[in-house]
């Protein structure tokens, strides 16, 4: 019964958020224009591709082991948080290297501040994603829906404020994405700390190793799927 209720709640949440996602897309297209919209799409493609390839499926492994009760959220919380930051910083360093070495010509069109925002989106987005997996794996779907609803409603409002009122253009869109990622990670952190009273600080290396060993099995499939969807866009960046 609970599974049915959670499934219905997830579907209703997605349906409710569709208009807000559509609003974000319309506002972004209307304000940025074709050139900046293309740069934004390309930048986010590189970010999503790097996050898929360079996490090696560890997030799925975390979800699997928590869901099967092999580990408790209270035991691995700090391990997941610190590891997500470490991994996010490593991926950000890779993106900065691409920019600094001009490995992808279109990247040179981004300013240093915009690349910094992309890197911050990676760090806090990855943190939010990993903490979100802890909540979902432990069955807290209603809490996750509430957080997604709040962030989904807030995003177009922040976007309107930064892009329309302050005329920040691409910088405003990237800043909005950073704010949503940062606030999402912070909310996840606070919610988990409130729900689980005891969160002893420790690095649970066995959990990270087991998550990697399980996640790497599906990693190639995820990379292949992402390549099918994004590789053509990535290749175009070398010729634009």
C-alpha atoms as a PDB file:
ATOM      1  CA  UNK A   1       0.000   0.000   0.000  1.00  0.00           C
ATOM      2  CA  UNK A   2       2.825   2.376   0.888  1.00  0.00           C
ATOM      3  CA  UNK A   3       4.615   1.586  -2.378  1.00  0.00           C
ATOM      4  CA  UNK A   4       1.445   2.381  -4.335  1.00  0.00           C
ATOM      5  CA  UNK A   5       0.957   5.621  -2.438  1.00  0.00           C
ATOM      6  CA  UNK A   6       4.585   6.652  -2.981  1.00  0.00           C
ATOM      7  CA  UNK A   7       4.363   5.871  -6.703  1.00  0.00           C
ATOM      8  CA  UNK A   8       1.220   7.987  -7.077  1.00  0.00           C
ATOM      9  CA  UNK A   9       2.837  10.817  -5.107  1.00  0.00           C
ATOM     10  CA  UNK A  10       5.936  10.710  -7.355  1.00  0.00           C
ATOM     11  CA  UNK A  11       3.800  10.842 -10.504  1.00  0.00           C
ATOM     12  CA  UNK A  12       1.727  13.742  -9.175  1.00  0.00           C
ATOM     13  CA  UNK A  13       4.888  15.619  -8.189  1.00  0.00           C
ATOM     14  CA  UNK A  14       6.327  15.249 -11.694  1.00  0.00           C
ATOM     15  CA  UNK A  15       3.047  16.349 -13.301  1.00  0.00           C
ATOM     16  CA  UNK A  16       2.820  19.368 -11.008  1.00  0.00           C
ATOM     17  CA  UNK A  17       6.410  20.394 -11.810  1.00  0.00           C
ATOM     18  CA  UNK A  18       5.997  20.194 -15.605  1.00  0.00           C
ATOM     19  CA  UNK A  19       4.623  23.768 -15.939  1.00  0.00           C
ATOM     20  CA  UNK A  20       7.497  25.150 -13.870  1.00  0.00           C
ATOM     21  CA  UNK A  21      10.076  23.280 -15.969  1.00  0.00           C
ATOM     22  CA  UNK A  22       8.374  24.600 -19.083  1.00  0.00           C
ATOM     23  CA  UNK A  23       8.457  28.123 -17.644  1.00  0.00           C
ATOM     24  CA  UNK A  24      12.207  27.824 -17.000  1.00  0.00           C
ATOM     25  CA  UNK A  25      12.767  26.682 -20.597  1.00  0.00           C
ATOM     26  CA  UNK A  26      10.657  29.520 -22.044  1.00  0.00           C
ATOM     27  CA  UNK A  27      12.284  32.212 -19.897  1.00  0.00           C
ATOM     28  CA  UNK A  28      15.770  30.939 -20.719  1.00  0.00           C
ATOM     29  CA  UNK A  29      15.096  30.811 -24.474  1.00  0.00           C
ATOM     30  CA  UNK A  30      13.372  34.197 -24.497  1.00  0.00           C
ATOM     31  CA  UNK A  31      16.112  36.038 -22.626  1.00  0.00           C
ATOM     32  CA  UNK A  32      19.312  34.394 -23.861  1.00  0.00           C
ATOM     33  CA  UNK A  33      18.737  34.144 -27.587  1.00  0.00           C
ATOM     34  CA  UNK A  34      20.123  31.388 -29.846  1.00  0.00           C
ATOM     35  CA  UNK A  35      23.852  31.964 -29.246  1.00  0.00           C
ATOM     36  CA  UNK A  36      23.844  32.057 -25.437  1.00  0.00           C
ATOM     37  CA  UNK A  37      21.174  29.337 -25.282  1.00  0.00           C
ATOM     38  CA  UNK A  38      23.471  27.118 -27.350  1.00  0.00           C
ATOM     39  CA  UNK A  39      26.415  27.865 -25.058  1.00  0.00           C
ATOM     40  CA  UNK A  40      24.306  27.080 -21.987  1.00  0.00           C
ATOM     41  CA  UNK A  41      23.131  23.797 -23.486  1.00  0.00           C
ATOM     42  CA  UNK A  42      26.674  22.838 -24.413  1.00  0.00           C
ATOM     43  CA  UNK A  43      28.050  23.738 -20.996  1.00  0.00           C
ATOM     44  CA  UNK A  44      25.408  21.688 -19.203  1.00  0.00           C
ATOM     45  CA  UNK A  45      26.025  18.805 -21.630  1.00  0.00           C
ATOM     46  CA  UNK A  46      29.708  18.751 -20.658  1.00  0.00           C
ATOM     47  CA  UNK A  47      28.764  18.933 -16.969  1.00  0.00           C
ATOM     48  CA  UNK A  48      26.239  16.077 -17.145  1.00  0.00           C
ATOM     49  CA  UNK A  49      28.595  13.938 -19.234  1.00  0.00           C
ATOM     50  CA  UNK A  50      31.489  14.451 -16.819  1.00  0.00           C
ATOM     51  CA  UNK A  51      29.280  13.678 -13.820  1.00  0.00           C
ATOM     52  CA  UNK A  52      28.041  10.460 -15.445  1.00  0.00           C
ATOM     53  CA  UNK A  53      31.429   9.246 -16.668  1.00  0.00           C
ATOM     54  CA  UNK A  54      33.653  10.264 -13.749  1.00  0.00           C
ATOM     55  CA  UNK A  55      31.440   9.057 -10.876  1.00  0.00           C
ATOM     56  CA  UNK A  56      31.801   5.461 -12.146  1.00  0.00           C
ATOM     57  CA  UNK A  57      28.293   4.478 -11.005  1.00  0.00           C
ATOM     58  CA  UNK A  58      29.066   4.887  -7.306  1.00  0.00           C
ATOM     59  CA  UNK A  59      25.770   6.702  -6.663  1.00  0.00           C
ATOM     60  CA  UNK A  60      23.769   3.697  -7.857  1.00  0.00           C
ATOM     61  CA  UNK A  61      25.874   1.461  -5.635  1.00  0.00           C
ATOM     62  CA  UNK A  62      25.068   3.658  -2.621  1.00  0.00           C
ATOM     63  CA  UNK A  63      21.367   3.452  -3.425  1.00  0.00           C
ATOM     64  CA  UNK A  64      21.529  -0.339  -3.748  1.00  0.00           C
ATOM     65  CA  UNK A  65      23.339  -1.011  -0.466  1.00  0.00           C
ATOM     66  CA  UNK A  66      21.236   1.404   1.605  1.00  0.00           C
ATOM     67  CA  UNK A  67      18.032   0.080   0.020  1.00  0.00           C
ATOM     68  CA  UNK A  68      19.005  -3.498   0.862  1.00  0.00           C
ATOM     69  CA  UNK A  69      19.779  -2.502   4.473  1.00  0.00           C
ATOM     70  CA  UNK A  70      23.400  -3.589   4.242  1.00  0.00           C
ATOM     71  CA  UNK A  71      24.352  -0.182   5.613  1.00  0.00           C
ATOM     72  CA  UNK A  72      22.455   2.444   7.579  1.00  0.00           C
ATOM     73  CA  UNK A  73      22.183   6.091   6.580  1.00  0.00           C
ATOM     74  CA  UNK A  74      23.403   7.111  10.035  1.00  0.00           C
ATOM     75  CA  UNK A  75      26.570   5.061   9.515  1.00  0.00           C
ATOM     76  CA  UNK A  76      27.549   6.365   6.086  1.00  0.00           C
ATOM     77  CA  UNK A  77      26.186   9.929   5.986  1.00  0.00           C
ATOM     78  CA  UNK A  78      29.504  11.719   6.493  1.00  0.00           C
ATOM     79  CA  UNK A  79      31.285   9.316   4.149  1.00  0.00           C
ATOM     80  CA  UNK A  80      28.796  10.125   1.383  1.00  0.00           C
ATOM     81  CA  UNK A  81      28.927  13.874   2.047  1.00  0.00           C
ATOM     82  CA  UNK A  82      32.717  14.150   2.084  1.00  0.00           C
ATOM     83  CA  UNK A  83      33.164  11.768  -0.838  1.00  0.00           C
ATOM     84  CA  UNK A  84      30.644  13.734  -2.932  1.00  0.00           C
ATOM     85  CA  UNK A  85      32.576  16.953  -2.294  1.00  0.00           C
ATOM     86  CA  UNK A  86      35.880  15.266  -3.110  1.00  0.00           C
ATOM     87  CA  UNK A  87      34.498  13.781  -6.315  1.00  0.00           C
ATOM     88  CA  UNK A  88      32.854  17.090  -7.254  1.00  0.00           C
ATOM     89  CA  UNK A  89      36.139  18.965  -6.805  1.00  0.00           C
ATOM     90  CA  UNK A  90      37.981  16.398  -8.948  1.00  0.00           C
ATOM     91  CA  UNK A  91      35.406  16.676 -11.747  1.00  0.00           C
ATOM     92  CA  UNK A  92      35.520  20.480 -11.487  1.00  0.00           C
ATOM     93  CA  UNK A  93      39.290  20.332 -11.825  1.00  0.00           C
ATOM     94  CA  UNK A  94      38.878  18.298 -15.000  1.00  0.00           C
ATOM     95  CA  UNK A  95      36.438  20.873 -16.422  1.00  0.00           C
ATOM     96  CA  UNK A  96      38.833  23.708 -15.536  1.00  0.00           C
ATOM     97  CA  UNK A  97      41.619  21.835 -17.317  1.00  0.00           C
ATOM     98  CA  UNK A  98      39.470  21.562 -20.454  1.00  0.00           C
ATOM     99  CA  UNK A  99      38.907  25.316 -20.285  1.00  0.00           C
ATOM    100  CA  UNK A 100      42.514  26.267 -19.497  1.00  0.00           C
ATOM    101  CA  UNK A 101      43.984  24.044 -22.220  1.00  0.00           C
ATOM    102  CA  UNK A 102      41.317  25.064 -24.764  1.00  0.00           C
ATOM    103  CA  UNK A 103      40.596  21.403 -25.485  1.00  0.00           C
ATOM    104  CA  UNK A 104      37.070  22.257 -26.675  1.00  0.00           C
ATOM    105  CA  UNK A 105      37.059  25.461 -28.772  1.00  0.00           C
ATOM    106  CA  UNK A 106      33.534  26.560 -27.828  1.00  0.00           C
ATOM    107  CA  UNK A 107      34.525  26.584 -24.153  1.00  0.00           C
ATOM    108  CA  UNK A 108      36.720  29.622 -24.756  1.00  0.00           C
ATOM    109  CA  UNK A 109      33.533  31.657 -25.167  1.00  0.00           C
ATOM    110  CA  UNK A 110      32.736  31.184 -21.501  1.00  0.00           C
ATOM    111  CA  UNK A 111      34.137  33.736 -19.087  1.00  0.00           C
ATOM    112  CA  UNK A 112      36.175  32.627 -16.075  1.00  0.00           C
ATOM    113  CA  UNK A 113      33.255  33.471 -13.784  1.00  0.00           C
ATOM    114  CA  UNK A 114      30.917  31.309 -15.849  1.00  0.00           C
ATOM    115  CA  UNK A 115      33.319  28.354 -15.732  1.00  0.00           C
ATOM    116  CA  UNK A 116      33.557  28.835 -11.962  1.00  0.00           C
ATOM    117  CA  UNK A 117      29.762  28.691 -11.736  1.00  0.00           C
ATOM    118  CA  UNK A 118      29.714  25.477 -13.798  1.00  0.00           C
ATOM    119  CA  UNK A 119      32.229  23.965 -11.385  1.00  0.00           C
ATOM    120  CA  UNK A 120      30.179  25.005  -8.353  1.00  0.00           C
ATOM    121  CA  UNK A 121      27.097  23.485  -9.968  1.00  0.00           C
ATOM    122  CA  UNK A 122      29.024  20.218 -10.292  1.00  0.00           C
ATOM    123  CA  UNK A 123      30.186  20.211  -6.657  1.00  0.00           C
ATOM    124  CA  UNK A 124      26.856  21.043  -5.024  1.00  0.00           C
ATOM    125  CA  UNK A 125      24.783  19.221  -7.632  1.00  0.00           C
ATOM    126  CA  UNK A 126      26.716  16.025  -6.961  1.00  0.00           C
ATOM    127  CA  UNK A 127      26.360  16.522  -3.210  1.00  0.00           C
ATOM    128  CA  UNK A 128      22.601  17.017  -3.592  1.00  0.00           C
ATOM    129  CA  UNK A 129      22.324  13.954  -5.834  1.00  0.00           C
ATOM    130  CA  UNK A 130      24.183  11.640  -3.455  1.00  0.00           C
ATOM    131  CA  UNK A 131      22.296  12.826  -0.346  1.00  0.00           C
ATOM    132  CA  UNK A 132      19.053  12.495  -2.279  1.00  0.00           C
ATOM    133  CA  UNK A 133      19.899   8.853  -3.006  1.00  0.00           C
ATOM    134  CA  UNK A 134      20.273   8.240   0.735  1.00  0.00           C
ATOM    135  CA  UNK A 135      16.763   9.555   1.382  1.00  0.00           C
ATOM    136  CA  UNK A 136      15.192   7.607  -1.475  1.00  0.00           C
ATOM    137  CA  UNK A 137      17.022   4.375  -0.658  1.00  0.00           C
ATOM    138  CA  UNK A 138      15.743   4.606   2.912  1.00  0.00           C
ATOM    139  CA  UNK A 139      12.157   5.054   1.690  1.00  0.00           C
ATOM    140  CA  UNK A 140      11.612   8.769   2.343  1.00  0.00           C
ATOM    141  CA  UNK A 141       9.806   9.503  -0.913  1.00  0.00           C
ATOM    142  CA  UNK A 142       7.385  12.046   0.551  1.00  0.00           C
ATOM    143  CA  UNK A 143      10.233  14.128   1.952  1.00  0.00           C
ATOM    144  CA  UNK A 144      11.982  13.989  -1.415  1.00  0.00           C
ATOM    145  CA  UNK A 145       8.807  15.105  -3.205  1.00  0.00           C
ATOM    146  CA  UNK A 146       8.439  18.091  -0.884  1.00  0.00           C
ATOM    147  CA  UNK A 147      12.030  19.172  -1.515  1.00  0.00           C
ATOM    148  CA  UNK A 148      11.671  18.774  -5.290  1.00  0.00           C
ATOM    149  CA  UNK A 149       8.431  20.762  -5.274  1.00  0.00           C
ATOM    150  CA  UNK A 150      10.025  23.607  -3.310  1.00  0.00           C
ATOM    151  CA  UNK A 151      13.076  23.788  -5.577  1.00  0.00           C
ATOM    152  CA  UNK A 152      10.977  23.422  -8.733  1.00  0.00           C
ATOM    153  CA  UNK A 153       8.765  26.359  -7.764  1.00  0.00           C
ATOM    154  CA  UNK A 154      11.702  28.491  -6.633  1.00  0.00           C
ATOM    155  CA  UNK A 155      13.782  28.059  -9.796  1.00  0.00           C
ATOM    156  CA  UNK A 156      11.646  30.120 -12.246  1.00  0.00           C
ATOM    157  CA  UNK A 157      11.172  32.820  -9.604  1.00  0.00           C
ATOM    158  CA  UNK A 158      14.927  33.168  -9.043  1.00  0.00           C
ATOM    159  CA  UNK A 159      15.473  33.038 -12.796  1.00  0.00           C
ATOM    160  CA  UNK A 160      13.033  35.884 -13.375  1.00  0.00           C
ATOM    161  CA  UNK A 161      14.701  37.942 -10.657  1.00  0.00           C
ATOM    162  CA  UNK A 162      18.264  37.503 -11.940  1.00  0.00           C
ATOM    163  CA  UNK A 163      17.716  37.349 -15.690  1.00  0.00           C
ATOM    164  CA  UNK A 164      14.726  39.625 -16.225  1.00  0.00           C
ATOM    165  CA  UNK A 165      15.063  42.239 -13.482  1.00  0.00           C
ATOM    166  CA  UNK A 166      18.861  42.441 -13.324  1.00  0.00           C
ATOM    167  CA  UNK A 167      19.466  41.566 -16.985  1.00  0.00           C
ATOM    168  CA  UNK A 168      22.310  39.154 -16.172  1.00  0.00           C
ATOM    169  CA  UNK A 169      21.760  36.912 -19.211  1.00  0.00           C
ATOM    170  CA  UNK A 170      23.793  33.713 -19.272  1.00  0.00           C
ATOM    171  CA  UNK A 171      25.485  34.646 -16.004  1.00  0.00           C
ATOM    172  CA  UNK A 172      22.058  34.863 -14.366  1.00  0.00           C
ATOM    173  CA  UNK A 173      20.949  31.471 -15.669  1.00  0.00           C
ATOM    174  CA  UNK A 174      24.131  29.803 -14.402  1.00  0.00           C
ATOM    175  CA  UNK A 175      23.811  31.625 -11.069  1.00  0.00           C
ATOM    176  CA  UNK A 176      20.244  30.348 -10.745  1.00  0.00           C
ATOM    177  CA  UNK A 177      21.398  26.762 -11.381  1.00  0.00           C
ATOM    178  CA  UNK A 178      24.128  27.203  -8.768  1.00  0.00           C
ATOM    179  CA  UNK A 179      21.680  28.602  -6.191  1.00  0.00           C
ATOM    180  CA  UNK A 180      19.270  25.706  -6.741  1.00  0.00           C
ATOM    181  CA  UNK A 181      22.108  23.150  -6.436  1.00  0.00           C
ATOM    182  CA  UNK A 182      23.508  24.828  -3.303  1.00  0.00           C
ATOM    183  CA  UNK A 183      20.130  25.228  -1.593  1.00  0.00           C
ATOM    184  CA  UNK A 184      19.162  21.681  -2.572  1.00  0.00           C
ATOM    185  CA  UNK A 185      22.345  20.264  -1.025  1.00  0.00           C
ATOM    186  CA  UNK A 186      21.904  22.400   2.106  1.00  0.00           C
ATOM    187  CA  UNK A 187      18.273  21.336   2.537  1.00  0.00           C
ATOM    188  CA  UNK A 188      19.206  17.679   2.090  1.00  0.00           C
ATOM    189  CA  UNK A 189      21.938  18.084   4.700  1.00  0.00           C
ATOM    190  CA  UNK A 190      19.595  19.740   7.225  1.00  0.00           C
ATOM    191  CA  UNK A 191      16.733  17.298   6.623  1.00  0.00           C
ATOM    192  CA  UNK A 192      18.930  14.235   7.095  1.00  0.00           C
ATOM    193  CA  UNK A 193      20.440  15.731  10.258  1.00  0.00           C
ATOM    194  CA  UNK A 194      16.947  16.327  11.616  1.00  0.00           C
ATOM    195  CA  UNK A 195      15.586  12.885  10.668  1.00  0.00           C
ATOM    196  CA  UNK A 196      18.567  10.906  11.939  1.00  0.00           C
ATOM    197  CA  UNK A 197      19.459  12.114  15.398  1.00  0.00           C
ATOM    198  CA  UNK A 198      22.781  10.297  15.652  1.00  0.00           C
ATOM    199  CA  UNK A 199      25.215  10.832  12.785  1.00  0.00           C
ATOM    200  CA  UNK A 200      28.660   9.909  14.107  1.00  0.00           C
ATOM    201  CA  UNK A 201      31.509  11.321  12.087  1.00  0.00           C
ATOM    202  CA  UNK A 202      33.445   8.569  10.319  1.00  0.00           C
ATOM    203  CA  UNK A 203      34.764   7.546   6.907  1.00  0.00           C
ATOM    204  CA  UNK A 204      33.153   4.222   6.047  1.00  0.00           C
ATOM    205  CA  UNK A 205      35.597   3.034   3.389  1.00  0.00           C
ATOM    206  CA  UNK A 206      33.973  -0.403   3.105  1.00  0.00           C
ATOM    207  CA  UNK A 207      30.704   1.229   2.070  1.00  0.00           C
ATOM    208  CA  UNK A 208      32.420   3.376  -0.561  1.00  0.00           C
ATOM    209  CA  UNK A 209      34.307   0.368  -1.916  1.00  0.00           C
ATOM    210  CA  UNK A 210      31.187  -1.808  -2.037  1.00  0.00           C
ATOM    211  CA  UNK A 211      29.227   0.998  -3.715  1.00  0.00           C
ATOM    212  CA  UNK A 212      31.912   1.387  -6.348  1.00  0.00           C
ATOM    213  CA  UNK A 213      32.122  -2.368  -6.980  1.00  0.00           C
ATOM    214  CA  UNK A 214      28.370  -2.581  -7.523  1.00  0.00           C
ATOM    215  CA  UNK A 215      27.998   0.686  -9.433  1.00  0.00           C
ATOM    216  CA  UNK A 216      30.792  -0.004 -11.901  1.00  0.00           C
ATOM    217  CA  UNK A 217      28.740  -2.935 -13.256  1.00  0.00           C
ATOM    218  CA  UNK A 218      26.076  -0.577 -14.593  1.00  0.00           C
ATOM    219  CA  UNK A 219      28.446   2.315 -15.299  1.00  0.00           C
ATOM    220  CA  UNK A 220      29.247   1.304 -18.869  1.00  0.00           C
ATOM    221  CA  UNK A 221      25.546   1.083 -19.698  1.00  0.00           C
ATOM    222  CA  UNK A 222      24.930   4.573 -18.267  1.00  0.00           C
ATOM    223  CA  UNK A 223      27.880   5.978 -20.213  1.00  0.00           C
ATOM    224  CA  UNK A 224      26.670   4.346 -23.419  1.00  0.00           C
ATOM    225  CA  UNK A 225      23.174   5.747 -22.950  1.00  0.00           C
ATOM    226  CA  UNK A 226      24.548   9.206 -22.211  1.00  0.00           C
ATOM    227  CA  UNK A 227      26.820   9.003 -25.248  1.00  0.00           C
ATOM    228  CA  UNK A 228      23.844   8.176 -27.460  1.00  0.00           C
ATOM    229  CA  UNK A 229      22.053  11.259 -26.201  1.00  0.00           C
ATOM    230  CA  UNK A 230      24.898  13.763 -25.880  1.00  0.00           C
ATOM    231  CA  UNK A 231      27.929  12.706 -27.917  1.00  0.00           C
ATOM    232  CA  UNK A 232      26.781  14.476 -31.077  1.00  0.00           C
ATOM    233  CA  UNK A 233      26.442  17.745 -29.161  1.00  0.00           C
ATOM    234  CA  UNK A 234      29.885  17.283 -27.620  1.00  0.00           C
ATOM    235  CA  UNK A 235      31.513  16.654 -31.003  1.00  0.00           C
ATOM    236  CA  UNK A 236      29.957  19.811 -32.460  1.00  0.00           C
ATOM    237  CA  UNK A 237      31.844  21.839 -29.878  1.00  0.00           C
ATOM    238  CA  UNK A 238      35.104  21.012 -31.611  1.00  0.00           C
ATOM    239  CA  UNK A 239      33.953  22.583 -34.873  1.00  0.00           C
ATOM    240  CA  UNK A 240      31.993  25.647 -33.753  1.00  0.00           C
END
